[in-house]
C-alpha atoms as a PDB file:
ATOM      1  CA  MET A   1       0.000   0.000   0.000  1.00  0.00           C
ATOM      2  CA  LYS A   2       2.836   2.396   0.893  1.00  0.00           C
ATOM      3  CA  HIS A   3       4.556   1.610  -2.406  1.00  0.00           C
ATOM      4  CA  LEU A   4       1.372   2.451  -4.346  1.00  0.00           C
ATOM      5  CA  LEU A   5       1.030   5.804  -2.556  1.00  0.00           C
ATOM      6  CA  THR A   6       4.664   6.677  -3.253  1.00  0.00           C
ATOM      7  CA  ASP A   7       4.307   5.792  -6.942  1.00  0.00           C
ATOM      8  CA  THR A   8       1.115   7.849  -7.225  1.00  0.00           C
ATOM      9  CA  LEU A   9       2.767  10.867  -5.612  1.00  0.00           C
ATOM     10  CA  ASN A  10       5.782  10.532  -7.920  1.00  0.00           C
ATOM     11  CA  VAL A  11       3.548  10.457 -11.002  1.00  0.00           C
ATOM     12  CA  LEU A  12       1.542  13.446  -9.753  1.00  0.00           C
ATOM     13  CA  HIS A  13       4.758  15.342  -9.049  1.00  0.00           C
ATOM     14  CA  SER A  14       6.038  14.594 -12.552  1.00  0.00           C
ATOM     15  CA  VAL A  15       2.798  15.730 -14.190  1.00  0.00           C
ATOM     16  CA  LEU A  16       2.676  18.979 -12.220  1.00  0.00           C
ATOM     17  CA  LEU A  17       6.342  19.705 -12.901  1.00  0.00           C
ATOM     18  CA  THR A  18       5.848  19.070 -16.630  1.00  0.00           C
ATOM     19  CA  LEU A  19       2.842  21.411 -16.665  1.00  0.00           C
ATOM     20  CA  LEU A  20       4.813  24.107 -14.845  1.00  0.00           C
ATOM     21  CA  VAL A  21       7.737  23.850 -17.258  1.00  0.00           C
ATOM     22  CA  PHE A  22       5.369  23.963 -20.227  1.00  0.00           C
ATOM     23  CA  LEU A  23       3.543  27.091 -19.013  1.00  0.00           C
ATOM     24  CA  ASN A  24       6.590  28.945 -17.675  1.00  0.00           C
ATOM     25  CA  PRO A  25       7.397  30.930 -20.866  1.00  0.00           C
ATOM     26  CA  ILE A  26       3.856  32.344 -20.886  1.00  0.00           C
ATOM     27  CA  ALA A  27       4.459  34.153 -17.575  1.00  0.00           C
ATOM     28  CA  GLY A  28       6.523  36.880 -19.252  1.00  0.00           C
ATOM     29  CA  VAL A  29       3.857  37.495 -21.861  1.00  0.00           C
ATOM     30  CA  ILE A  30       1.141  37.730 -19.214  1.00  0.00           C
ATOM     31  CA  LEU A  31       3.173  40.224 -17.166  1.00  0.00           C
ATOM     32  CA  THR A  32       3.780  42.320 -20.281  1.00  0.00           C
ATOM     33  CA  VAL A  33       0.082  42.399 -21.162  1.00  0.00           C
ATOM     34  CA  ILE A  34      -0.871  43.344 -17.593  1.00  0.00           C
ATOM     35  CA  SER A  35       1.710  46.148 -17.657  1.00  0.00           C
ATOM     36  CA  PHE A  36       0.365  47.551 -20.929  1.00  0.00           C
ATOM     37  CA  VAL A  37      -3.229  47.417 -19.669  1.00  0.00           C
ATOM     38  CA  PHE A  38      -2.168  49.292 -16.522  1.00  0.00           C
ATOM     39  CA  ILE A  39      -0.298  51.944 -18.534  1.00  0.00           C
ATOM     40  CA  ASP A  40      -3.248  52.355 -20.903  1.00  0.00           C
ATOM     41  CA  THR A  41      -5.615  52.774 -17.955  1.00  0.00           C
ATOM     42  CA  CYS A  42      -3.354  55.441 -16.431  1.00  0.00           C
ATOM     43  CA  PHE A  43      -3.266  57.382 -19.710  1.00  0.00           C
ATOM     44  CA  ALA A  44      -7.046  57.099 -20.061  1.00  0.00           C
ATOM     45  CA  TYR A  45      -7.509  58.468 -16.534  1.00  0.00           C
ATOM     46  CA  TRP A  46      -5.099  61.322 -17.290  1.00  0.00           C
ATOM     47  CA  ARG A  47      -6.947  62.174 -20.523  1.00  0.00           C
ATOM     48  CA  VAL A  48     -10.359  62.122 -18.825  1.00  0.00           C
ATOM     49  CA  LYS A  49      -9.103  64.509 -16.146  1.00  0.00           C
ATOM     50  CA  LYS A  50      -7.443  66.745 -18.757  1.00  0.00           C
ATOM     51  CA  VAL A  51     -10.581  66.998 -20.922  1.00  0.00           C
ATOM     52  CA  GLY A  52     -12.831  67.430 -17.890  1.00  0.00           C
ATOM     53  CA  MET A  53     -15.067  64.438 -18.462  1.00  0.00           C
ATOM     54  CA  LYS A  54     -16.489  62.358 -15.632  1.00  0.00           C
ATOM     55  CA  TRP A  55     -14.624  59.222 -14.585  1.00  0.00           C
ATOM     56  CA  THR A  56     -16.968  56.491 -13.359  1.00  0.00           C
ATOM     57  CA  SER A  57     -16.244  53.072 -11.927  1.00  0.00           C
ATOM     58  CA  ARG A  58     -18.557  51.508 -14.524  1.00  0.00           C
ATOM     59  CA  LYS A  59     -16.438  52.848 -17.398  1.00  0.00           C
ATOM     60  CA  LEU A  60     -13.308  51.612 -15.660  1.00  0.00           C
ATOM     61  CA  ARG A  61     -14.779  48.163 -15.005  1.00  0.00           C
ATOM     62  CA  VAL A  62     -16.112  47.698 -18.541  1.00  0.00           C
ATOM     63  CA  GLY A  63     -12.857  48.931 -20.086  1.00  0.00           C
ATOM     64  CA  LEU A  64     -10.643  46.730 -17.952  1.00  0.00           C
ATOM     65  CA  VAL A  65     -12.743  43.635 -18.486  1.00  0.00           C
ATOM     66  CA  ASN A  66     -12.716  44.111 -22.263  1.00  0.00           C
ATOM     67  CA  LYS A  67      -8.964  44.702 -22.340  1.00  0.00           C
ATOM     68  CA  CYS A  68      -8.145  41.759 -20.083  1.00  0.00           C
ATOM     69  CA  ILE A  69     -10.387  39.331 -21.958  1.00  0.00           C
ATOM     70  CA  THR A  70      -8.992  40.383 -25.306  1.00  0.00           C
END
């Protein structure tokens, strides 16, 4: 029974490690996209304040959701 548990844990460890190694290069791309969305949101806020329009949480929420999904 102990041997079966050890083998199962070894297989699970191997699968998780393989998945982590496979997805690791995507982390840089995700961080880059998040950074660009943040910068774009800052510029949008600056423009809204400069023009004198009203900044609402609904506009922010809808804009961020669309950007992040895309």
